[in-house]
C-alpha atoms as a PDB file:
ATOM      1  CA  MET A   1     105.998 -53.973  64.929  1.00  0.00           C
ATOM      2  CA  ILE A   2     106.309 -52.734  68.498  1.00  0.00           C
ATOM      3  CA  LYS A   3     102.828 -54.131  69.200  1.00  0.00           C
ATOM      4  CA  LEU A   4     103.953 -57.572  68.058  1.00  0.00           C
ATOM      5  CA  TYR A   5     107.155 -57.219  70.094  1.00  0.00           C
ATOM      6  CA  ILE A   6     105.123 -56.508  73.238  1.00  0.00           C
ATOM      7  CA  GLY A   7     102.599 -59.218  72.325  1.00  0.00           C
ATOM      8  CA  TYR A   8     105.354 -61.806  71.919  1.00  0.00           C
ATOM      9  CA  ILE A   9     106.948 -60.842  75.231  1.00  0.00           C
ATOM     10  CA  LEU A  10     103.641 -60.946  77.132  1.00  0.00           C
ATOM     11  CA  ALA A  11     102.486 -64.202  75.534  1.00  0.00           C
ATOM     12  CA  ALA A  12     105.792 -65.887  76.322  1.00  0.00           C
ATOM     13  CA  VAL A  13     105.987 -64.662  79.923  1.00  0.00           C
ATOM     14  CA  PHE A  14     102.360 -65.445  80.815  1.00  0.00           C
ATOM     15  CA  ASN A  15     102.448 -68.904  79.240  1.00  0.00           C
ATOM     16  CA  PHE A  16     105.772 -69.685  80.909  1.00  0.00           C
ATOM     17  CA  TYR A  17     104.287 -68.605  84.223  1.00  0.00           C
ATOM     18  CA  VAL A  18     101.177 -70.771  83.814  1.00  0.00           C
ATOM     19  CA  ILE A  19     103.172 -73.834  82.774  1.00  0.00           C
ATOM     20  CA  MET A  20     105.621 -73.506  85.647  1.00  0.00           C
ATOM     21  CA  LEU A  21     102.786 -72.836  88.102  1.00  0.00           C
ATOM     22  CA  TYR A  22     101.054 -76.051  87.063  1.00  0.00           C
ATOM     23  CA  TYR A  23     104.366 -77.904  87.129  1.00  0.00           C
ATOM     24  CA  GLY A  24     104.935 -76.698  90.685  1.00  0.00           C
ATOM     25  CA  VAL A  25     101.612 -78.048  91.963  1.00  0.00           C
ATOM     26  CA  SER A  26     101.767 -81.347  90.083  1.00  0.00           C
ATOM     27  CA  THR A  27     104.065 -84.341  90.053  1.00  0.00           C
ATOM     28  CA  GLY A  28     105.411 -83.570  86.607  1.00  0.00           C
ATOM     29  CA  PHE A  29     104.336 -83.188  83.034  1.00  0.00           C
ATOM     30  CA  ALA A  30     101.631 -85.592  81.829  1.00  0.00           C
ATOM     31  CA  ASN A  31     102.489 -85.213  78.129  1.00  0.00           C
ATOM     32  CA  TYR A  32     104.810 -83.259  75.866  1.00  0.00           C
ATOM     33  CA  ALA A  33     102.481 -80.317  75.145  1.00  0.00           C
ATOM     34  CA  PRO A  34     103.756 -78.242  78.112  1.00  0.00           C
ATOM     35  CA  VAL A  35     107.345 -79.036  77.165  1.00  0.00           C
ATOM     36  CA  ALA A  36     106.712 -77.838  73.604  1.00  0.00           C
ATOM     37  CA  ALA A  37     104.972 -74.760  75.018  1.00  0.00           C
ATOM     38  CA  LEU A  38     108.023 -74.037  77.189  1.00  0.00           C
ATOM     39  CA  LEU A  39     110.189 -74.272  74.092  1.00  0.00           C
ATOM     40  CA  GLY A  40     107.740 -72.019  72.221  1.00  0.00           C
ATOM     41  CA  ALA A  41     107.835 -69.462  75.035  1.00  0.00           C
ATOM     42  CA  LEU A  42     111.630 -69.516  74.899  1.00  0.00           C
ATOM     43  CA  VAL A  43     111.559 -69.023  71.121  1.00  0.00           C
ATOM     44  CA  LEU A  44     109.063 -66.165  71.410  1.00  0.00           C
ATOM     45  CA  PHE A  45     110.808 -64.408  74.265  1.00  0.00           C
ATOM     46  CA  SER A  46     114.460 -64.662  73.338  1.00  0.00           C
ATOM     47  CA  GLY A  47     114.206 -65.323  69.614  1.00  0.00           C
ATOM     48  CA  ALA A  48     111.275 -63.732  67.845  1.00  0.00           C
ATOM     49  CA  ALA A  49     110.892 -60.595  69.943  1.00  0.00           C
ATOM     50  CA  PRO A  50     114.473 -59.357  69.487  1.00  0.00           C
ATOM     51  CA  ILE A  51     114.717 -60.431  65.841  1.00  0.00           C
ATOM     52  CA  ILE A  52     111.504 -58.637  64.849  1.00  0.00           C
ATOM     53  CA  LEU A  53     113.159 -55.294  65.621  1.00  0.00           C
ATOM     54  CA  TYR A  54     115.785 -55.603  62.898  1.00  0.00           C
ATOM     55  CA  LYS A  55     114.664 -58.357  60.509  1.00  0.00           C
ATOM     56  CA  THR A  56     110.889 -58.105  60.408  1.00  0.00           C
ATOM     57  CA  ARG A  57     110.076 -61.032  58.129  1.00  0.00           C
ATOM     58  CA  VAL A  58     112.445 -63.443  59.880  1.00  0.00           C
ATOM     59  CA  GLY A  59     111.086 -62.324  63.254  1.00  0.00           C
ATOM     60  CA  LEU A  60     107.520 -62.944  62.098  1.00  0.00           C
ATOM     61  CA  ILE A  61     108.386 -66.441  60.879  1.00  0.00           C
ATOM     62  CA  VAL A  62     110.187 -67.283  64.134  1.00  0.00           C
ATOM     63  CA  GLY A  63     107.244 -65.778  66.042  1.00  0.00           C
ATOM     64  CA  ILE A  64     104.679 -67.926  64.249  1.00  0.00           C
ATOM     65  CA  ILE A  65     106.801 -71.013  64.973  1.00  0.00           C
ATOM     66  CA  GLY A  66     106.927 -70.096  68.669  1.00  0.00           C
ATOM     67  CA  CYS A  67     103.189 -69.421  68.799  1.00  0.00           C
ATOM     68  CA  LEU A  68     102.409 -72.704  67.050  1.00  0.00           C
ATOM     69  CA  LEU A  69     104.523 -74.545  69.632  1.00  0.00           C
ATOM     70  CA  ILE A  70     102.454 -72.952  72.408  1.00  0.00           C
ATOM     71  CA  LEU A  71      99.114 -73.514  70.643  1.00  0.00           C
ATOM     72  CA  PRO A  72      98.436 -77.176  71.648  1.00  0.00           C
ATOM     73  CA  PHE A  73      98.995 -76.382  75.309  1.00  0.00           C
ATOM     74  CA  SER A  74      96.747 -73.312  75.033  1.00  0.00           C
ATOM     75  CA  ILE A  75      93.951 -75.355  73.488  1.00  0.00           C
ATOM     76  CA  MET A  76      94.257 -78.049  76.176  1.00  0.00           C
ATOM     77  CA  PHE A  77      94.384 -75.342  78.848  1.00  0.00           C
ATOM     78  CA  LEU A  78      91.214 -73.664  77.537  1.00  0.00           C
ATOM     79  CA  LYS A  79      89.463 -77.028  77.245  1.00  0.00           C
ATOM     80  CA  SER A  80      90.237 -77.858  80.869  1.00  0.00           C
ATOM     81  CA  ILE A  81      89.028 -74.446  82.047  1.00  0.00           C
ATOM     82  CA  PHE A  82      85.690 -74.624  80.260  1.00  0.00           C
ATOM     83  CA  GLU A  83      84.913 -78.229  81.278  1.00  0.00           C
ATOM     84  CA  ASP A  84      83.243 -77.022  84.479  1.00  0.00           C
ATOM     85  CA  GLU A  85      80.595 -75.127  82.483  1.00  0.00           C
ATOM     86  CA  ILE A  86      80.522 -72.413  85.125  1.00  0.00           C
ATOM     87  CA  PHE A  87      81.264 -68.848  84.110  1.00  0.00           C
ATOM     88  CA  ASN A  88      82.861 -66.409  86.474  1.00  0.00           C
ATOM     89  CA  TRP A  89      84.845 -63.274  85.815  1.00  0.00           C
ATOM     90  CA  ARG A  90      88.100 -64.885  86.912  1.00  0.00           C
ATOM     91  CA  LEU A  91      87.904 -67.010  83.775  1.00  0.00           C
ATOM     92  CA  LEU A  92      88.798 -63.979  81.687  1.00  0.00           C
ATOM     93  CA  LEU A  93      91.977 -63.510  83.692  1.00  0.00           C
ATOM     94  CA  ILE A  94      92.868 -67.198  83.513  1.00  0.00           C
ATOM     95  CA  THR A  95      92.389 -67.279  79.735  1.00  0.00           C
ATOM     96  CA  LEU A  96      94.684 -64.285  79.170  1.00  0.00           C
ATOM     97  CA  PRO A  97      97.766 -66.361  78.163  1.00  0.00           C
ATOM     98  CA  SER A  98      95.749 -68.242  75.554  1.00  0.00           C
ATOM     99  CA  ILE A  99      94.148 -65.044  74.277  1.00  0.00           C
ATOM    100  CA  LEU A 100      97.601 -63.504  73.872  1.00  0.00           C
ATOM    101  CA  VAL A 101      98.778 -66.513  71.849  1.00  0.00           C
ATOM    102  CA  PHE A 102      95.733 -66.404  69.577  1.00  0.00           C
ATOM    103  CA  THR A 103      96.063 -62.655  68.984  1.00  0.00           C
ATOM    104  CA  SER A 104      99.792 -63.028  68.329  1.00  0.00           C
ATOM    105  CA  ILE A 105      99.081 -65.722  65.750  1.00  0.00           C
ATOM    106  CA  TYR A 106      96.393 -63.562  64.135  1.00  0.00           C
ATOM    107  CA  PHE A 107      98.510 -60.414  63.867  1.00  0.00           C
ATOM    108  CA  THR A 108     101.594 -62.340  62.774  1.00  0.00           C
ATOM    109  CA  THR A 109      99.788 -64.067  59.913  1.00  0.00           C
ATOM    110  CA  LYS A 110      98.082 -60.794  59.027  1.00  0.00           C
ATOM    111  CA  SER A 111     101.489 -59.105  58.829  1.00  0.00           C
ATOM    112  CA  LEU A 112     103.049 -61.963  56.869  1.00  0.00           C
ATOM    113  CA  PHE A 113     100.310 -62.104  54.237  1.00  0.00           C
ATOM    114  CA  ASN A 114      99.568 -58.387  54.004  1.00  0.00           C
ATOM    115  CA  LYS A 115      99.104 -57.241  50.393  1.00  0.00           C
ATOM    116  CA  ASN A 116     100.968 -53.991  50.990  1.00  0.00           C
ATOM    117  CA  GLY A 117     104.005 -55.841  52.238  1.00  0.00           C
ATOM    118  CA  LEU A 118     105.167 -56.022  55.777  1.00  0.00           C
ATOM    119  CA  LEU A 119     104.505 -53.389  58.338  1.00  0.00           C
ATOM    120  CA  PRO A 120     107.279 -50.815  58.424  1.00  0.00           C
ATOM    121  CA  ASP A 121     110.222 -51.400  60.700  1.00  0.00           C
ATOM    122  CA  ILE A 122     110.338 -49.616  64.000  1.00  0.00           C
ATOM    123  CA  GLN A 123     111.610 -46.105  63.461  1.00  0.00           C
ATOM    124  CA  ALA A 124     113.281 -45.385  66.764  1.00  0.00           C
ATOM    125  CA  ASN A 125     116.534 -44.294  68.206  1.00  0.00           C
ATOM    126  CA  LYS A 126     119.262 -46.862  67.594  1.00  0.00           C
ATOM    127  CA  LEU A 127     120.031 -46.989  71.299  1.00  0.00           C
ATOM    128  CA  ILE A 128     116.397 -47.790  72.163  1.00  0.00           C
ATOM    129  CA  LYS A 129     116.271 -50.524  69.509  1.00  0.00           C
ATOM    130  CA  LEU A 130     119.517 -51.985  70.822  1.00  0.00           C
ATOM    131  CA  LEU A 131     118.192 -51.869  74.378  1.00  0.00           C
ATOM    132  CA  LEU A 132     114.938 -53.569  73.315  1.00  0.00           C
ATOM    133  CA  PHE A 133     116.969 -56.167  71.421  1.00  0.00           C
ATOM    134  CA  PHE A 134     119.226 -57.138  74.322  1.00  0.00           C
ATOM    135  CA  THR A 135     116.697 -56.923  77.177  1.00  0.00           C
ATOM    136  CA  PRO A 136     114.973 -60.320  76.578  1.00  0.00           C
ATOM    137  CA  ILE A 137     118.278 -62.030  75.869  1.00  0.00           C
ATOM    138  CA  LEU A 138     119.848 -60.576  79.009  1.00  0.00           C
ATOM    139  CA  LEU A 139     116.807 -61.534  81.101  1.00  0.00           C
ATOM    140  CA  LEU A 140     117.025 -65.117  79.805  1.00  0.00           C
ATOM    141  CA  ILE A 141     120.728 -65.285  80.650  1.00  0.00           C
ATOM    142  CA  LEU A 142     120.087 -63.916  84.144  1.00  0.00           C
ATOM    143  CA  TYR A 143     117.245 -66.402  84.639  1.00  0.00           C
ATOM    144  CA  LEU A 144     119.502 -69.287  83.643  1.00  0.00           C
ATOM    145  CA  ILE A 145     122.285 -68.051  85.937  1.00  0.00           C
ATOM    146  CA  PHE A 146     120.092 -67.688  88.996  1.00  0.00           C
ATOM    147  CA  TYR A 147     117.512 -70.444  88.480  1.00  0.00           C
ATOM    148  CA  GLY A 148     119.249 -72.805  86.055  1.00  0.00           C
ATOM    149  CA  GLN A 149     120.586 -74.842  88.952  1.00  0.00           C
ATOM    150  CA  TYR A 150     117.027 -75.977  89.741  1.00  0.00           C
ATOM    151  CA  TRP A 151     116.376 -77.292  86.241  1.00  0.00           C
ATOM    152  CA  HIS A 152     117.377 -80.826  85.303  1.00  0.00           C
ATOM    153  CA  TRP A 153     116.609 -83.165  82.418  1.00  0.00           C
ATOM    154  CA  ASN A 154     114.623 -85.558  84.597  1.00  0.00           C
ATOM    155  CA  MET A 155     111.832 -83.017  84.920  1.00  0.00           C
ATOM    156  CA  PHE A 156     110.995 -83.486  81.237  1.00  0.00           C
ATOM    157  CA  ARG A 157     110.606 -87.254  81.574  1.00  0.00           C
ATOM    158  CA  MET A 158     107.054 -88.583  81.395  1.00  0.00           C
END
């Protein structure tokens, strides 16, 4: 489960970064796919990743919901990248957020529908599990404290 925990964290952070980077160089969101992807990144980062440490099945279900919220934006993002029909090695780096979402969806559904049951819970020190549980939540709270003043509801208007 630690691989899914790290996968959820990386997929959420990279997709959040890409969405906010494109928002910063544009005049706003063109449709609701990036807004849903932001919500999916929030669900993955502060919801599914901590929950998967203690309640594996619930964490997997919340993780698949978060990944499915990010999926339309990832597909549109990949479509816009490959429209140029020119391959360069930077494409692999640019497609990393989408690749992380697809692999998270694959391993989450594989873990949910595994015949042998779910993968075993993380067998670690209780202090380490508690630290891994509260780290994403604390980082989200700190982000909202320091950068929440720059967010407003008008930015989500089309």
